[in-house]
Protein backbone atom coordinates (compact mmCIF):
# COMPACT_ATOMS: atom_id res chain seq x y z
CA MET A 1 -0.23 0.15 -0.13
CA GLY A 2 1.20 3.48 -1.19
CA VAL A 3 0.23 7.01 0.01
CA LYS A 4 -2.26 7.40 -2.47
CA ASN A 5 -4.59 5.18 -1.54
CA SER A 6 -8.10 5.68 -3.37
CA LYS A 7 -11.60 6.47 -1.03
CA GLU A 8 -12.91 3.14 -1.77
CA GLU A 9 -9.21 1.22 -0.39
CA LEU A 10 -9.32 3.33 3.21
CA LEU A 11 -12.77 2.55 3.61
CA LYS A 12 -12.27 -1.61 3.34
CA LEU A 13 -9.16 -0.84 5.69
CA THR A 14 -11.69 0.38 8.37
CA ARG A 15 -14.00 -1.96 8.12
CA LYS A 16 -11.18 -4.83 8.62
CA ARG A 17 -10.64 -6.04 11.62
CA ILE A 18 -6.88 -6.24 12.12
CA VAL A 19 -6.85 -8.71 14.84
CA ASN A 20 -9.39 -11.12 14.27
CA ASP A 21 -9.20 -12.68 17.33
CA VAL A 22 -10.53 -9.75 19.02
CA ARG A 23 -14.11 -9.85 19.58
CA LYS A 24 -16.10 -6.78 18.08
CA PRO A 25 -17.26 -4.47 20.45
CA ILE A 26 -21.12 -4.75 21.28
CA THR A 27 -23.09 -2.22 18.97
CA SER A 28 -26.40 -2.83 20.85
CA ILE A 29 -27.34 0.20 23.15
CA LEU A 30 -28.52 -1.18 26.81
CA GLN A 31 -31.95 0.51 27.88
CA ILE A 32 -33.29 1.29 31.15
CA GLU A 33 -35.67 -1.50 30.86
CA ASP A 34 -32.80 -3.89 29.52
CA LEU A 35 -31.62 -3.62 33.25
CA PHE A 36 -34.70 -2.42 35.77
CA ASP A 37 -37.58 -4.49 36.85
CA ASP A 38 -41.10 -3.05 37.23
CA SER A 39 -40.01 -2.19 41.11
CA ASP A 40 -36.90 -0.44 39.67
CA LYS A 41 -34.58 -2.76 40.96
CA ILE A 42 -31.71 -4.19 39.47
CA ASP A 43 -31.26 -7.65 40.24
CA SER A 44 -27.46 -9.84 39.96
CA SER A 45 -27.83 -11.34 36.55
CA ASN A 46 -28.80 -7.96 35.39
CA LEU A 47 -25.52 -6.47 36.99
CA ILE A 48 -23.41 -9.46 35.20
CA ARG A 49 -25.07 -8.28 32.10
CA LEU A 50 -24.40 -5.13 32.39
CA LYS A 51 -20.59 -6.00 33.08
CA ASN A 52 -20.02 -8.02 30.64
CA HIS A 53 -21.56 -5.49 27.95
CA LEU A 54 -19.38 -2.97 29.42
CA GLU A 55 -16.53 -5.36 28.65
CA ASN A 56 -17.37 -5.58 25.56
CA GLU A 57 -17.33 -2.02 24.97
CA GLY A 58 -20.92 -1.90 24.79
CA ARG A 59 -22.97 1.64 25.00
CA LEU A 60 -25.50 2.74 27.72
CA SER A 61 -28.36 4.98 26.58
CA PRO A 62 -28.15 8.25 28.57
CA HIS A 63 -31.23 7.78 30.04
CA LEU A 64 -29.49 4.46 31.86
CA VAL A 65 -26.39 6.50 32.76
CA VAL A 66 -28.62 8.79 34.54
CA LYS A 67 -30.77 5.80 36.34
CA LEU A 68 -27.48 4.31 37.24
CA ILE A 69 -26.16 7.55 39.04
CA GLU A 70 -28.85 8.50 40.64
CA ASN A 71 -29.40 4.83 42.27
CA CYS A 72 -25.68 5.32 43.36
CA VAL A 73 -26.49 8.90 44.47
CA LYS A 74 -29.27 6.91 46.77
CA ILE A 75 -26.91 4.48 47.90
CA PHE A 76 -24.41 6.73 49.30
CA LYS A 77 -26.22 9.03 50.91
CA LYS A 78 -27.65 5.98 53.05
CA GLU A 79 -23.66 5.18 53.87
CA SER A 80 -22.13 6.80 56.99
CA ASN A 81 -18.65 8.72 55.79
CA VAL A 82 -16.76 6.40 58.07
CA LEU A 83 -16.45 2.81 57.92
CA LYS A 84 -15.83 0.26 60.07
CA ILE A 85 -14.75 -2.66 58.07
CA ASP A 86 -13.49 -5.92 59.03
CA TYR A 87 -10.64 -7.97 58.08
CA PRO A 88 -9.87 -9.25 55.22
CA VAL A 89 -10.46 -6.49 52.95
CA ASN A 90 -8.73 -5.12 49.28
CA ILE A 91 -7.28 -1.86 49.48
CA VAL A 92 -7.71 -0.50 46.05
CA GLY A 93 -5.61 3.13 45.28
CA ASP A 94 -7.35 5.57 42.50
CA ILE A 95 -7.36 3.54 39.44
CA HIS A 96 -8.58 7.01 37.30
CA GLY A 97 -11.94 5.73 35.96
CA GLN A 98 -10.24 2.86 34.22
CA PHE A 99 -13.38 0.32 33.77
CA TYR A 100 -10.63 -2.50 32.60
CA ASP A 101 -8.52 -1.86 35.54
CA LEU A 102 -11.13 -2.67 37.55
CA LEU A 103 -11.62 -6.21 35.99
CA THR A 104 -8.42 -6.85 36.21
CA ILE A 105 -8.48 -5.90 40.14
CA PHE A 106 -11.68 -8.27 40.70
CA SER A 107 -10.47 -10.99 38.38
CA LEU A 108 -6.69 -10.87 40.82
CA GLY A 109 -8.58 -9.82 44.16
CA GLY A 110 -12.17 -11.91 43.67
CA SER A 111 -15.61 -11.20 42.99
CA PRO A 112 -16.92 -8.47 45.19
CA GLU A 113 -19.84 -10.97 45.55
CA ASP A 114 -17.02 -12.95 47.79
CA CYS A 115 -14.59 -10.48 48.82
CA LYS A 116 -14.44 -7.22 50.37
CA TYR A 117 -13.38 -3.61 48.78
CA LEU A 118 -11.69 -0.53 49.80
CA PHE A 119 -11.34 2.01 47.16
CA MET A 120 -9.23 4.99 48.56
CA GLY A 121 -9.89 7.06 45.22
CA ASP A 122 -7.54 10.19 45.12
CA PHE A 123 -7.06 11.01 48.80
CA VAL A 124 -3.10 9.15 48.48
CA ASP A 125 -1.66 10.91 45.99
CA ARG A 126 -2.55 15.17 46.41
CA GLY A 127 -0.99 17.65 48.56
CA VAL A 128 1.73 18.04 50.91
CA PHE A 129 0.84 15.08 53.01
CA ALA A 130 0.71 12.50 49.99
CA PHE A 131 1.65 9.47 50.81
C-alpha cells in the first residue's frame, strides 16, 4: 500500500479487523428496561449483564446512565462517611476511572460478591501530605 490509496481502499481498511481474534465491540445500546424490573430494582444477573456489556465495549443509553447514577447517589447518601470494615479487605488506590483496570483488580482479588474492597480514591496522591 502506498500513500495514494483510493477512498474505497481506505474504507475497506477501516472495516477490516487487524487482529481477527479480538472480539468486535457490542453494537447494541442498553436501555433502562434491559436492566431494571418493574419494581425499579436491578438484580445480580442484570449486574453481570451490565458488566459483560461494558467489558465488550457496549454502550449505554443516556437515560440508563442517569438512572444508574441516581441509584448510586441514593446508596451513597445512606452510607456513613466513616466505615468500620472487618478484615480481610482488599484496599485499592485510585483507578482513575479505568474500567478495565477495575475488572483486572476483581479478577486478581476476587469477585465483589465474595470479597470486600475499599477504594481509597484520590487522597493518597494529592497535596503536601500525600503518601
